[in-house]
């Protein structure tokens, strides 16, 4: 069983930066994809950014140019560097990983608050 440990959330002024981390522990198979989602108050959750084996990344239009997703060399920790934060980035951010047989695991979520 894979256990995801997220950290790095917090509160920032507009324009500030935060870095989220998500470490996969336990019975970790080779991970084919890692991603961050967020669920702001009210609206449904959205994919923020994803990174795949080989280094391919994708981003939501709303964070393009401000957020950067990366993973460590072992491939079991994913990061989300968030710069130029805006109040509308306020949400609970969730990490998701997919292993090489398609099994998904989710983190517990970490709150990011951008004060207006």
PDB file of N, CA and C in Angstrom:
ATOM      1  N   UNK A   1       0.839  -1.191   0.000  1.00  0.00           N
ATOM      2  CA  UNK A   1       0.000   0.000   0.000  1.00  0.00           C
ATOM      3  C   UNK A   1       0.875   1.242   0.000  1.00  0.00           C
ATOM      4  N   UNK A   2       0.511   2.217  -0.840  1.00  0.00           N
ATOM      5  CA  UNK A   2       1.265   3.457  -0.948  1.00  0.00           C
ATOM      6  C   UNK A   2       0.679   4.494  -0.012  1.00  0.00           C
ATOM      7  N   UNK A   3       1.541   5.173   0.705  1.00  0.00           N
ATOM      8  CA  UNK A   3       1.120   6.256   1.596  1.00  0.00           C
ATOM      9  C   UNK A   3       1.792   7.530   1.107  1.00  0.00           C
ATOM     10  N   UNK A   4       0.983   8.576   0.920  1.00  0.00           N
ATOM     11  CA  UNK A   4       1.503   9.854   0.433  1.00  0.00           C
ATOM     12  C   UNK A   4       1.520  10.867   1.566  1.00  0.00           C
ATOM     13  N   UNK A   5       2.649  11.509   1.756  1.00  0.00           N
ATOM     14  CA  UNK A   5       2.805  12.506   2.804  1.00  0.00           C
ATOM     15  C   UNK A   5       3.046  13.854   2.143  1.00  0.00           C
ATOM     16  N   UNK A   6       2.103  14.765   2.328  1.00  0.00           N
ATOM     17  CA  UNK A   6       2.193  16.097   1.737  1.00  0.00           C
ATOM     18  C   UNK A   6       2.653  17.104   2.775  1.00  0.00           C
ATOM     19  N   UNK A   7       3.346  18.124   2.307  1.00  0.00           N
ATOM     20  CA  UNK A   7       3.773  19.200   3.190  1.00  0.00           C
ATOM     21  C   UNK A   7       3.999  20.461   2.375  1.00  0.00           C
ATOM     22  N   UNK A   8       4.103  21.587   3.079  1.00  0.00           N
ATOM     23  CA  UNK A   8       4.467  22.832   2.420  1.00  0.00           C
ATOM     24  C   UNK A   8       3.351  23.834   2.257  1.00  0.00           C
ATOM     25  N   UNK A   9       2.133  23.475   2.627  1.00  0.00           N
ATOM     26  CA  UNK A   9       1.052  24.435   2.499  1.00  0.00           C
ATOM     27  C   UNK A   9       1.185  25.572   3.496  1.00  0.00           C
ATOM     28  N   UNK A  10       0.358  26.597   3.326  1.00  0.00           N
ATOM     29  CA  UNK A  10       0.387  27.724   4.238  1.00  0.00           C
ATOM     30  C   UNK A  10      -0.368  28.902   3.676  1.00  0.00           C
ATOM     31  N   UNK A  11      -0.118  30.055   4.279  1.00  0.00           N
ATOM     32  CA  UNK A  11      -0.779  31.287   3.878  1.00  0.00           C
ATOM     33  C   UNK A  11       0.256  32.287   3.409  1.00  0.00           C
ATOM     34  N   UNK A  12      -0.033  32.963   2.313  1.00  0.00           N
ATOM     35  CA  UNK A  12       0.909  33.928   1.773  1.00  0.00           C
ATOM     36  C   UNK A  12       0.177  35.154   1.276  1.00  0.00           C
ATOM     37  N   UNK A  13       0.892  36.236   1.191  1.00  0.00           N
ATOM     38  CA  UNK A  13       0.390  37.445   0.566  1.00  0.00           C
ATOM     39  C   UNK A  13       0.385  37.247  -0.946  1.00  0.00           C
ATOM     40  N   UNK A  14      -0.442  37.965  -1.662  1.00  0.00           N
ATOM     41  CA  UNK A  14      -0.403  37.896  -3.127  1.00  0.00           C
ATOM     42  C   UNK A  14       0.999  38.192  -3.647  1.00  0.00           C
ATOM     43  N   UNK A  15       1.419  37.387  -4.606  1.00  0.00           N
ATOM     44  CA  UNK A  15       2.752  37.534  -5.148  1.00  0.00           C
ATOM     45  C   UNK A  15       3.787  36.671  -4.467  1.00  0.00           C
ATOM     46  N   UNK A  16       3.393  36.052  -3.352  1.00  0.00           N
ATOM     47  CA  UNK A  16       4.313  35.212  -2.607  1.00  0.00           C
ATOM     48  C   UNK A  16       4.505  33.846  -3.243  1.00  0.00           C
ATOM     49  N   UNK A  17       5.339  33.031  -2.596  1.00  0.00           N
ATOM     50  CA  UNK A  17       5.672  31.707  -3.116  1.00  0.00           C
ATOM     51  C   UNK A  17       5.528  30.643  -2.035  1.00  0.00           C
ATOM     52  N   UNK A  18       5.198  29.456  -2.465  1.00  0.00           N
ATOM     53  CA  UNK A  18       5.180  28.277  -1.604  1.00  0.00           C
ATOM     54  C   UNK A  18       5.676  27.095  -2.416  1.00  0.00           C
ATOM     55  N   UNK A  19       6.208  26.112  -1.717  1.00  0.00           N
ATOM     56  CA  UNK A  19       6.633  24.882  -2.381  1.00  0.00           C
ATOM     57  C   UNK A  19       5.987  23.704  -1.674  1.00  0.00           C
ATOM     58  N   UNK A  20       5.186  22.955  -2.410  1.00  0.00           N
ATOM     59  CA  UNK A  20       4.547  21.765  -1.871  1.00  0.00           C
ATOM     60  C   UNK A  20       5.399  20.540  -2.190  1.00  0.00           C
ATOM     61  N   UNK A  21       5.395  19.601  -1.262  1.00  0.00           N
ATOM     62  CA  UNK A  21       6.092  18.339  -1.459  1.00  0.00           C
ATOM     63  C   UNK A  21       5.139  17.191  -1.196  1.00  0.00           C
ATOM     64  N   UNK A  22       5.341  16.097  -1.896  1.00  0.00           N
ATOM     65  CA  UNK A  22       4.536  14.893  -1.695  1.00  0.00           C
ATOM     66  C   UNK A  22       5.460  13.697  -1.854  1.00  0.00           C
ATOM     67  N   UNK A  23       5.656  12.971  -0.767  1.00  0.00           N
ATOM     68  CA  UNK A  23       6.545  11.816  -0.772  1.00  0.00           C
ATOM     69  C   UNK A  23       5.729  10.537  -0.711  1.00  0.00           C
ATOM     70  N   UNK A  24       6.031   9.615  -1.605  1.00  0.00           N
ATOM     71  CA  UNK A  24       5.365   8.312  -1.634  1.00  0.00           C
ATOM     72  C   UNK A  24       6.195   7.308  -0.853  1.00  0.00           C
ATOM     73  N   UNK A  25       5.570   6.688   0.140  1.00  0.00           N
ATOM     74  CA  UNK A  25       6.259   5.682   0.951  1.00  0.00           C
ATOM     75  C   UNK A  25       5.432   4.407   0.983  1.00  0.00           C
ATOM     76  N   UNK A  26       6.013   3.361   1.566  1.00  0.00           N
ATOM     77  CA  UNK A  26       5.314   2.086   1.648  1.00  0.00           C
ATOM     78  C   UNK A  26       5.675   1.196   0.479  1.00  0.00           C
ATOM     79  N   UNK A  27       4.705   0.431   0.017  1.00  0.00           N
ATOM     80  CA  UNK A  27       4.946  -0.502  -1.095  1.00  0.00           C
ATOM     81  C   UNK A  27       4.791   0.238  -2.420  1.00  0.00           C
ATOM     82  N   UNK A  28       5.851   0.971  -2.762  1.00  0.00           N
ATOM     83  CA  UNK A  28       5.785   1.832  -3.939  1.00  0.00           C
ATOM     84  C   UNK A  28       6.301   1.081  -5.157  1.00  0.00           C
ATOM     85  N   UNK A  29       5.414   0.858  -6.129  1.00  0.00           N
ATOM     86  CA  UNK A  29       5.841   0.339  -7.415  1.00  0.00           C
ATOM     87  C   UNK A  29       6.393   1.504  -8.229  1.00  0.00           C
ATOM     88  N   UNK A  30       6.858   1.206  -9.407  1.00  0.00           N
ATOM     89  CA  UNK A  30       7.328   2.277 -10.283  1.00  0.00           C
ATOM     90  C   UNK A  30       6.147   3.190 -10.598  1.00  0.00           C
ATOM     91  N   UNK A  31       6.327   4.472 -10.384  1.00  0.00           N
ATOM     92  CA  UNK A  31       5.253   5.439 -10.560  1.00  0.00           C
ATOM     93  C   UNK A  31       5.308   6.013 -11.968  1.00  0.00           C
ATOM     94  N   UNK A  32       4.207   5.882 -12.698  1.00  0.00           N
ATOM     95  CA  UNK A  32       4.196   6.360 -14.067  1.00  0.00           C
ATOM     96  C   UNK A  32       3.784   7.815 -14.177  1.00  0.00           C
ATOM     97  N   UNK A  33       3.062   8.304 -13.177  1.00  0.00           N
ATOM     98  CA  UNK A  33       2.615   9.688 -13.223  1.00  0.00           C
ATOM     99  C   UNK A  33       2.411  10.204 -11.811  1.00  0.00           C
ATOM    100  N   UNK A  34       2.671  11.471 -11.628  1.00  0.00           N
ATOM    101  CA  UNK A  34       2.436  12.153 -10.360  1.00  0.00           C
ATOM    102  C   UNK A  34       1.796  13.492 -10.687  1.00  0.00           C
ATOM    103  N   UNK A  35       0.883  13.924  -9.859  1.00  0.00           N
ATOM    104  CA  UNK A  35       0.146  15.146 -10.193  1.00  0.00           C
ATOM    105  C   UNK A  35      -0.345  15.846  -8.942  1.00  0.00           C
ATOM    106  N   UNK A  36      -0.657  17.117  -9.119  1.00  0.00           N
ATOM    107  CA  UNK A  36      -1.295  17.918  -8.081  1.00  0.00           C
ATOM    108  C   UNK A  36      -2.668  18.364  -8.575  1.00  0.00           C
ATOM    109  N   UNK A  37      -3.656  18.197  -7.745  1.00  0.00           N
ATOM    110  CA  UNK A  37      -4.990  18.705  -7.987  1.00  0.00           C
ATOM    111  C   UNK A  37      -5.299  19.711  -6.880  1.00  0.00           C
ATOM    112  N   UNK A  38      -6.321  20.526  -7.125  1.00  0.00           N
ATOM    113  CA  UNK A  38      -6.761  21.402  -6.055  1.00  0.00           C
ATOM    114  C   UNK A  38      -8.272  21.501  -6.052  1.00  0.00           C
ATOM    115  N   UNK A  39      -8.799  21.736  -4.870  1.00  0.00           N
ATOM    116  CA  UNK A  39     -10.236  21.908  -4.697  1.00  0.00           C
ATOM    117  C   UNK A  39     -10.444  23.209  -3.947  1.00  0.00           C
ATOM    118  N   UNK A  40     -10.790  24.287  -4.679  1.00  0.00           N
ATOM    119  CA  UNK A  40     -11.085  25.554  -4.014  1.00  0.00           C
ATOM    120  C   UNK A  40     -12.453  25.506  -3.376  1.00  0.00           C
ATOM    121  N   UNK A  41     -12.784  26.465  -2.532  1.00  0.00           N
ATOM    122  CA  UNK A  41     -14.122  26.494  -1.950  1.00  0.00           C
ATOM    123  C   UNK A  41     -15.182  26.581  -3.039  1.00  0.00           C
ATOM    124  N   UNK A  42     -16.140  25.705  -3.032  1.00  0.00           N
ATOM    125  CA  UNK A  42     -17.246  25.772  -3.971  1.00  0.00           C
ATOM    126  C   UNK A  42     -17.041  24.923  -5.212  1.00  0.00           C
ATOM    127  N   UNK A  43     -16.255  25.417  -6.190  1.00  0.00           N
ATOM    128  CA  UNK A  43     -16.142  24.703  -7.468  1.00  0.00           C
ATOM    129  C   UNK A  43     -15.507  23.331  -7.312  1.00  0.00           C
ATOM    130  N   UNK A  44     -15.686  22.534  -8.350  1.00  0.00           N
ATOM    131  CA  UNK A  44     -15.088  21.208  -8.351  1.00  0.00           C
ATOM    132  C   UNK A  44     -13.576  21.308  -8.449  1.00  0.00           C
ATOM    133  N   UNK A  45     -12.934  20.233  -8.093  1.00  0.00           N
ATOM    134  CA  UNK A  45     -11.489  20.188  -8.164  1.00  0.00           C
ATOM    135  C   UNK A  45     -10.987  20.253  -9.592  1.00  0.00           C
ATOM    136  N   UNK A  46      -9.731  20.654  -9.737  1.00  0.00           N
ATOM    137  CA  UNK A  46      -9.113  20.715 -11.057  1.00  0.00           C
ATOM    138  C   UNK A  46      -7.698  20.197 -10.993  1.00  0.00           C
ATOM    139  N   UNK A  47      -7.244  19.693 -12.122  1.00  0.00           N
ATOM    140  CA  UNK A  47      -5.848  19.307 -12.247  1.00  0.00           C
ATOM    141  C   UNK A  47      -5.007  20.568 -12.335  1.00  0.00           C
ATOM    142  N   UNK A  48      -4.007  20.663 -11.488  1.00  0.00           N
ATOM    143  CA  UNK A  48      -3.115  21.814 -11.487  1.00  0.00           C
ATOM    144  C   UNK A  48      -1.910  21.541 -12.381  1.00  0.00           C
ATOM    145  N   UNK A  49      -1.271  20.409 -12.163  1.00  0.00           N
ATOM    146  CA  UNK A  49      -0.074  20.069 -12.942  1.00  0.00           C
ATOM    147  C   UNK A  49       0.191  18.581 -12.822  1.00  0.00           C
ATOM    148  N   UNK A  50       0.782  18.006 -13.853  1.00  0.00           N
ATOM    149  CA  UNK A  50       1.141  16.604 -13.846  1.00  0.00           C
ATOM    150  C   UNK A  50       2.513  16.400 -14.446  1.00  0.00           C
ATOM    151  N   UNK A  51       3.174  15.342 -14.028  1.00  0.00           N
ATOM    152  CA  UNK A  51       4.483  14.990 -14.588  1.00  0.00           C
ATOM    153  C   UNK A  51       4.520  13.485 -14.801  1.00  0.00           C
ATOM    154  N   UNK A  52       5.053  13.093 -15.960  1.00  0.00           N
ATOM    155  CA  UNK A  52       5.016  11.708 -16.376  1.00  0.00           C
ATOM    156  C   UNK A  52       6.432  11.180 -16.564  1.00  0.00           C
ATOM    157  N   UNK A  53       6.557   9.862 -16.590  1.00  0.00           N
ATOM    158  CA  UNK A  53       7.868   9.273 -16.863  1.00  0.00           C
ATOM    159  C   UNK A  53       8.399   9.829 -18.174  1.00  0.00           C
ATOM    160  N   UNK A  54       9.646  10.188 -18.168  1.00  0.00           N
ATOM    161  CA  UNK A  54      10.249  10.838 -19.326  1.00  0.00           C
ATOM    162  C   UNK A  54      10.316  12.337 -19.154  1.00  0.00           C
ATOM    163  N   UNK A  55       9.614  12.850 -18.151  1.00  0.00           N
ATOM    164  CA  UNK A  55       9.700  14.263 -17.826  1.00  0.00           C
ATOM    165  C   UNK A  55       8.631  15.142 -18.432  1.00  0.00           C
ATOM    166  N   UNK A  56       7.725  14.573 -19.204  1.00  0.00           N
ATOM    167  CA  UNK A  56       6.656  15.384 -19.783  1.00  0.00           C
ATOM    168  C   UNK A  56       5.797  15.985 -18.671  1.00  0.00           C
ATOM    169  N   UNK A  57       5.460  17.255 -18.823  1.00  0.00           N
ATOM    170  CA  UNK A  57       4.628  17.932 -17.844  1.00  0.00           C
ATOM    171  C   UNK A  57       3.433  18.585 -18.522  1.00  0.00           C
ATOM    172  N   UNK A  58       2.394  18.809 -17.743  1.00  0.00           N
ATOM    173  CA  UNK A  58       1.282  19.625 -18.232  1.00  0.00           C
ATOM    174  C   UNK A  58       0.741  20.451 -17.089  1.00  0.00           C
ATOM    175  N   UNK A  59       0.134  21.569 -17.436  1.00  0.00           N
ATOM    176  CA  UNK A  59      -0.345  22.538 -16.459  1.00  0.00           C
ATOM    177  C   UNK A  59      -1.722  23.059 -16.830  1.00  0.00           C
ATOM    178  N   UNK A  60      -2.472  23.415 -15.800  1.00  0.00           N
ATOM    179  CA  UNK A  60      -3.702  24.153 -16.036  1.00  0.00           C
ATOM    180  C   UNK A  60      -3.349  25.535 -16.581  1.00  0.00           C
ATOM    181  N   UNK A  61      -4.188  26.058 -17.456  1.00  0.00           N
ATOM    182  CA  UNK A  61      -3.919  27.382 -18.020  1.00  0.00           C
ATOM    183  C   UNK A  61      -3.770  28.445 -16.934  1.00  0.00           C
ATOM    184  N   UNK A  62      -4.512  28.280 -15.853  1.00  0.00           N
ATOM    185  CA  UNK A  62      -4.528  29.294 -14.800  1.00  0.00           C
ATOM    186  C   UNK A  62      -3.208  29.391 -14.037  1.00  0.00           C
ATOM    187  N   UNK A  63      -2.363  28.370 -14.134  1.00  0.00           N
ATOM    188  CA  UNK A  63      -1.100  28.388 -13.383  1.00  0.00           C
ATOM    189  C   UNK A  63       0.122  28.394 -14.296  1.00  0.00           C
ATOM    190  N   UNK A  64      -0.104  28.304 -15.597  1.00  0.00           N
ATOM    191  CA  UNK A  64       1.005  28.263 -16.558  1.00  0.00           C
ATOM    192  C   UNK A  64       1.921  29.471 -16.359  1.00  0.00           C
ATOM    193  N   UNK A  65       3.209  29.209 -16.259  1.00  0.00           N
ATOM    194  CA  UNK A  65       4.183  30.273 -16.092  1.00  0.00           C
ATOM    195  C   UNK A  65       4.421  30.689 -14.655  1.00  0.00           C
ATOM    196  N   UNK A  66       3.567  30.233 -13.755  1.00  0.00           N
ATOM    197  CA  UNK A  66       3.722  30.574 -12.332  1.00  0.00           C
ATOM    198  C   UNK A  66       4.098  29.367 -11.483  1.00  0.00           C
ATOM    199  N   UNK A  67       3.574  28.212 -11.841  1.00  0.00           N
ATOM    200  CA  UNK A  67       3.810  26.991 -11.076  1.00  0.00           C
ATOM    201  C   UNK A  67       4.728  26.063 -11.871  1.00  0.00           C
ATOM    202  N   UNK A  68       5.553  25.309 -11.134  1.00  0.00           N
ATOM    203  CA  UNK A  68       6.435  24.337 -11.759  1.00  0.00           C
ATOM    204  C   UNK A  68       6.359  23.024 -10.994  1.00  0.00           C
ATOM    205  N   UNK A  69       6.094  21.936 -11.710  1.00  0.00           N
ATOM    206  CA  UNK A  69       6.061  20.616 -11.099  1.00  0.00           C
ATOM    207  C   UNK A  69       7.373  19.910 -11.412  1.00  0.00           C
ATOM    208  N   UNK A  70       7.871  19.162 -10.452  1.00  0.00           N
ATOM    209  CA  UNK A  70       9.102  18.410 -10.646  1.00  0.00           C
ATOM    210  C   UNK A  70       9.067  17.186  -9.739  1.00  0.00           C
ATOM    211  N   UNK A  71      10.004  16.258  -9.967  1.00  0.00           N
ATOM    212  CA  UNK A  71      10.090  15.082  -9.108  1.00  0.00           C
ATOM    213  C   UNK A  71      11.555  14.787  -8.839  1.00  0.00           C
ATOM    214  N   UNK A  72      11.829  14.084  -7.745  1.00  0.00           N
ATOM    215  CA  UNK A  72      13.216  13.804  -7.407  1.00  0.00           C
ATOM    216  C   UNK A  72      13.757  12.665  -8.277  1.00  0.00           C
ATOM    217  N   UNK A  73      15.052  12.419  -8.177  1.00  0.00           N
ATOM    218  CA  UNK A  73      15.699  11.443  -9.052  1.00  0.00           C
ATOM    219  C   UNK A  73      15.205  10.030  -8.796  1.00  0.00           C
ATOM    220  N   UNK A  74      14.776   9.747  -7.581  1.00  0.00           N
ATOM    221  CA  UNK A  74      14.249   8.418  -7.273  1.00  0.00           C
ATOM    222  C   UNK A  74      12.845   8.244  -7.826  1.00  0.00           C
ATOM    223  N   UNK A  75      12.194   9.350  -8.128  1.00  0.00           N
ATOM    224  CA  UNK A  75      10.863   9.287  -8.722  1.00  0.00           C
ATOM    225  C   UNK A  75       9.734   9.086  -7.750  1.00  0.00           C
ATOM    226  N   UNK A  76      10.002   9.192  -6.449  1.00  0.00           N
ATOM    227  CA  UNK A  76       8.960   8.943  -5.463  1.00  0.00           C
ATOM    228  C   UNK A  76       8.497  10.192  -4.726  1.00  0.00           C
ATOM    229  N   UNK A  77       9.085  11.335  -5.028  1.00  0.00           N
ATOM    230  CA  UNK A  77       8.670  12.591  -4.425  1.00  0.00           C
ATOM    231  C   UNK A  77       8.388  13.597  -5.528  1.00  0.00           C
ATOM    232  N   UNK A  78       7.252  14.255  -5.416  1.00  0.00           N
ATOM    233  CA  UNK A  78       6.880  15.260  -6.398  1.00  0.00           C
ATOM    234  C   UNK A  78       6.750  16.604  -5.696  1.00  0.00           C
ATOM    235  N   UNK A  79       7.146  17.646  -6.388  1.00  0.00           N
ATOM    236  CA  UNK A  79       7.126  18.987  -5.841  1.00  0.00           C
ATOM    237  C   UNK A  79       6.252  19.892  -6.715  1.00  0.00           C
ATOM    238  N   UNK A  80       5.709  20.912  -6.096  1.00  0.00           N
ATOM    239  CA  UNK A  80       5.004  21.955  -6.838  1.00  0.00           C
ATOM    240  C   UNK A  80       5.504  23.298  -6.329  1.00  0.00           C
ATOM    241  N   UNK A  81       6.311  23.958  -7.134  1.00  0.00           N
ATOM    242  CA  UNK A  81       6.783  25.292  -6.801  1.00  0.00           C
ATOM    243  C   UNK A  81       5.749  26.289  -7.300  1.00  0.00           C
ATOM    244  N   UNK A  82       5.205  27.059  -6.388  1.00  0.00           N
ATOM    245  CA  UNK A  82       4.149  28.007  -6.721  1.00  0.00           C
ATOM    246  C   UNK A  82       4.658  29.418  -6.495  1.00  0.00           C
ATOM    247  N   UNK A  83       4.763  30.171  -7.557  1.00  0.00           N
ATOM    248  CA  UNK A  83       5.215  31.562  -7.483  1.00  0.00           C
ATOM    249  C   UNK A  83       4.080  32.494  -7.893  1.00  0.00           C
ATOM    250  N   UNK A  84       4.225  33.755  -7.551  1.00  0.00           N
ATOM    251  CA  UNK A  84       3.230  34.775  -7.919  1.00  0.00           C
ATOM    252  C   UNK A  84       1.827  34.322  -7.540  1.00  0.00           C
ATOM    253  N   UNK A  85       1.687  33.862  -6.323  1.00  0.00           N
ATOM    254  CA  UNK A  85       0.399  33.337  -5.873  1.00  0.00           C
ATOM    255  C   UNK A  85      -0.667  34.422  -5.871  1.00  0.00           C
ATOM    256  N   UNK A  86      -1.870  34.007  -6.193  1.00  0.00           N
ATOM    257  CA  UNK A  86      -3.020  34.900  -6.244  1.00  0.00           C
ATOM    258  C   UNK A  86      -4.077  34.406  -5.263  1.00  0.00           C
ATOM    259  N   UNK A  87      -4.974  35.300  -4.846  1.00  0.00           N
ATOM    260  CA  UNK A  87      -6.049  34.845  -3.946  1.00  0.00           C
ATOM    261  C   UNK A  87      -6.852  33.685  -4.541  1.00  0.00           C
ATOM    262  N   UNK A  88      -7.015  33.674  -5.853  1.00  0.00           N
ATOM    263  CA  UNK A  88      -7.794  32.596  -6.467  1.00  0.00           C
ATOM    264  C   UNK A  88      -7.061  31.256  -6.477  1.00  0.00           C
ATOM    265  N   UNK A  89      -5.805  31.230  -6.058  1.00  0.00           N
ATOM    266  CA  UNK A  89      -5.102  29.962  -5.896  1.00  0.00           C
ATOM    267  C   UNK A  89      -5.454  29.285  -4.577  1.00  0.00           C
ATOM    268  N   UNK A  90      -6.230  29.974  -3.752  1.00  0.00           N
ATOM    269  CA  UNK A  90      -6.644  29.399  -2.473  1.00  0.00           C
ATOM    270  C   UNK A  90      -7.423  28.124  -2.693  1.00  0.00           C
ATOM    271  N   UNK A  91      -6.961  27.038  -2.074  1.00  0.00           N
ATOM    272  CA  UNK A  91      -7.589  25.733  -2.251  1.00  0.00           C
ATOM    273  C   UNK A  91      -6.884  24.733  -1.362  1.00  0.00           C
ATOM    274  N   UNK A  92      -7.489  23.564  -1.256  1.00  0.00           N
ATOM    275  CA  UNK A  92      -6.785  22.416  -0.698  1.00  0.00           C
ATOM    276  C   UNK A  92      -6.123  21.697  -1.867  1.00  0.00           C
ATOM    277  N   UNK A  93      -4.835  21.477  -1.767  1.00  0.00           N
ATOM    278  CA  UNK A  93      -4.058  20.853  -2.839  1.00  0.00           C
ATOM    279  C   UNK A  93      -3.801  19.387  -2.490  1.00  0.00           C
ATOM    280  N   UNK A  94      -4.084  18.532  -3.450  1.00  0.00           N
ATOM    281  CA  UNK A  94      -3.950  17.095  -3.264  1.00  0.00           C
ATOM    282  C   UNK A  94      -2.918  16.539  -4.243  1.00  0.00           C
ATOM    283  N   UNK A  95      -2.120  15.638  -3.745  1.00  0.00           N
ATOM    284  CA  UNK A  95      -1.166  14.921  -4.573  1.00  0.00           C
ATOM    285  C   UNK A  95      -1.791  13.593  -5.006  1.00  0.00           C
ATOM    286  N   UNK A  96      -1.571  13.206  -6.251  1.00  0.00           N
ATOM    287  CA  UNK A  96      -2.014  11.913  -6.741  1.00  0.00           C
ATOM    288  C   UNK A  96      -0.868  11.243  -7.484  1.00  0.00           C
ATOM    289  N   UNK A  97      -0.712   9.953  -7.253  1.00  0.00           N
ATOM    290  CA  UNK A  97       0.279   9.194  -8.013  1.00  0.00           C
ATOM    291  C   UNK A  97      -0.403   7.998  -8.654  1.00  0.00           C
ATOM    292  N   UNK A  98       0.137   7.589  -9.782  1.00  0.00           N
ATOM    293  CA  UNK A  98      -0.368   6.424 -10.513  1.00  0.00           C
ATOM    294  C   UNK A  98       0.808   5.494 -10.758  1.00  0.00           C
ATOM    295  N   UNK A  99       0.653   4.235 -10.377  1.00  0.00           N
ATOM    296  CA  UNK A  99       1.780   3.322 -10.580  1.00  0.00           C
ATOM    297  C   UNK A  99       1.698   2.674 -11.958  1.00  0.00           C
ATOM    298  N   UNK A 100       2.631   1.794 -12.234  1.00  0.00           N
ATOM    299  CA  UNK A 100       2.763   1.264 -13.595  1.00  0.00           C
ATOM    300  C   UNK A 100       1.693   0.235 -13.952  1.00  0.00           C
ATOM    301  N   UNK A 101       0.809  -0.083 -12.996  1.00  0.00           N
ATOM    302  CA  UNK A 101      -0.336  -0.933 -13.344  1.00  0.00           C
ATOM    303  C   UNK A 101      -1.639  -0.150 -13.225  1.00  0.00           C
ATOM    304  N   UNK A 102      -1.508   1.185 -13.076  1.00  0.00           N
ATOM    305  CA  UNK A 102      -2.676   2.054 -13.099  1.00  0.00           C
ATOM    306  C   UNK A 102      -3.351   2.295 -11.765  1.00  0.00           C
ATOM    307  N   UNK A 103      -2.755   1.812 -10.693  1.00  0.00           N
ATOM    308  CA  UNK A 103      -3.376   2.024  -9.383  1.00  0.00           C
ATOM    309  C   UNK A 103      -3.094   3.451  -8.919  1.00  0.00           C
ATOM    310  N   UNK A 104      -4.151   4.141  -8.459  1.00  0.00           N
ATOM    311  CA  UNK A 104      -4.040   5.521  -8.012  1.00  0.00           C
ATOM    312  C   UNK A 104      -4.012   5.613  -6.486  1.00  0.00           C
ATOM    313  N   UNK A 105      -3.218   6.543  -5.993  1.00  0.00           N
ATOM    314  CA  UNK A 105      -3.192   6.856  -4.565  1.00  0.00           C
ATOM    315  C   UNK A 105      -3.271   8.372  -4.409  1.00  0.00           C
ATOM    316  N   UNK A 106      -3.966   8.817  -3.364  1.00  0.00           N
ATOM    317  CA  UNK A 106      -4.149  10.250  -3.110  1.00  0.00           C
ATOM    318  C   UNK A 106      -3.590  10.621  -1.750  1.00  0.00           C
ATOM    319  N   UNK A 107      -3.069  11.847  -1.672  1.00  0.00           N
ATOM    320  CA  UNK A 107      -2.637  12.384  -0.402  1.00  0.00           C
ATOM    321  C   UNK A 107      -3.803  12.933   0.388  1.00  0.00           C
ATOM    322  N   UNK A 108      -3.517  13.404   1.604  1.00  0.00           N
ATOM    323  CA  UNK A 108      -4.568  13.862   2.499  1.00  0.00           C
ATOM    324  C   UNK A 108      -4.960  15.306   2.235  1.00  0.00           C
ATOM    325  N   UNK A 109      -4.166  16.020   1.462  1.00  0.00           N
ATOM    326  CA  UNK A 109      -4.468  17.407   1.142  1.00  0.00           C
ATOM    327  C   UNK A 109      -3.728  18.371   2.049  1.00  0.00           C
ATOM    328  N   UNK A 110      -3.351  19.504   1.472  1.00  0.00           N
ATOM    329  CA  UNK A 110      -2.698  20.557   2.244  1.00  0.00           C
ATOM    330  C   UNK A 110      -3.289  21.896   1.816  1.00  0.00           C
ATOM    331  N   UNK A 111      -3.594  22.741   2.786  1.00  0.00           N
ATOM    332  CA  UNK A 111      -4.275  24.014   2.511  1.00  0.00           C
ATOM    333  C   UNK A 111      -3.280  25.070   2.043  1.00  0.00           C
ATOM    334  N   UNK A 112      -3.638  25.741   0.967  1.00  0.00           N
ATOM    335  CA  UNK A 112      -2.902  26.909   0.489  1.00  0.00           C
ATOM    336  C   UNK A 112      -3.865  28.081   0.479  1.00  0.00           C
ATOM    337  N   UNK A 113      -3.492  29.146   1.137  1.00  0.00           N
ATOM    338  CA  UNK A 113      -4.351  30.328   1.214  1.00  0.00           C
ATOM    339  C   UNK A 113      -3.573  31.545   0.739  1.00  0.00           C
ATOM    340  N   UNK A 114      -4.122  32.208  -0.277  1.00  0.00           N
ATOM    341  CA  UNK A 114      -3.536  33.446  -0.754  1.00  0.00           C
ATOM    342  C   UNK A 114      -4.440  34.594  -0.342  1.00  0.00           C
ATOM    343  N   UNK A 115      -3.981  35.420   0.565  1.00  0.00           N
ATOM    344  CA  UNK A 115      -4.801  36.501   1.087  1.00  0.00           C
ATOM    345  C   UNK A 115      -4.938  37.606   0.048  1.00  0.00           C
ATOM    346  N   UNK A 116      -6.106  38.156  -0.022  1.00  0.00           N
ATOM    347  CA  UNK A 116      -6.346  39.266  -0.950  1.00  0.00           C
ATOM    348  C   UNK A 116      -5.705  40.537  -0.419  1.00  0.00           C
TER     349      UNK A 116
END
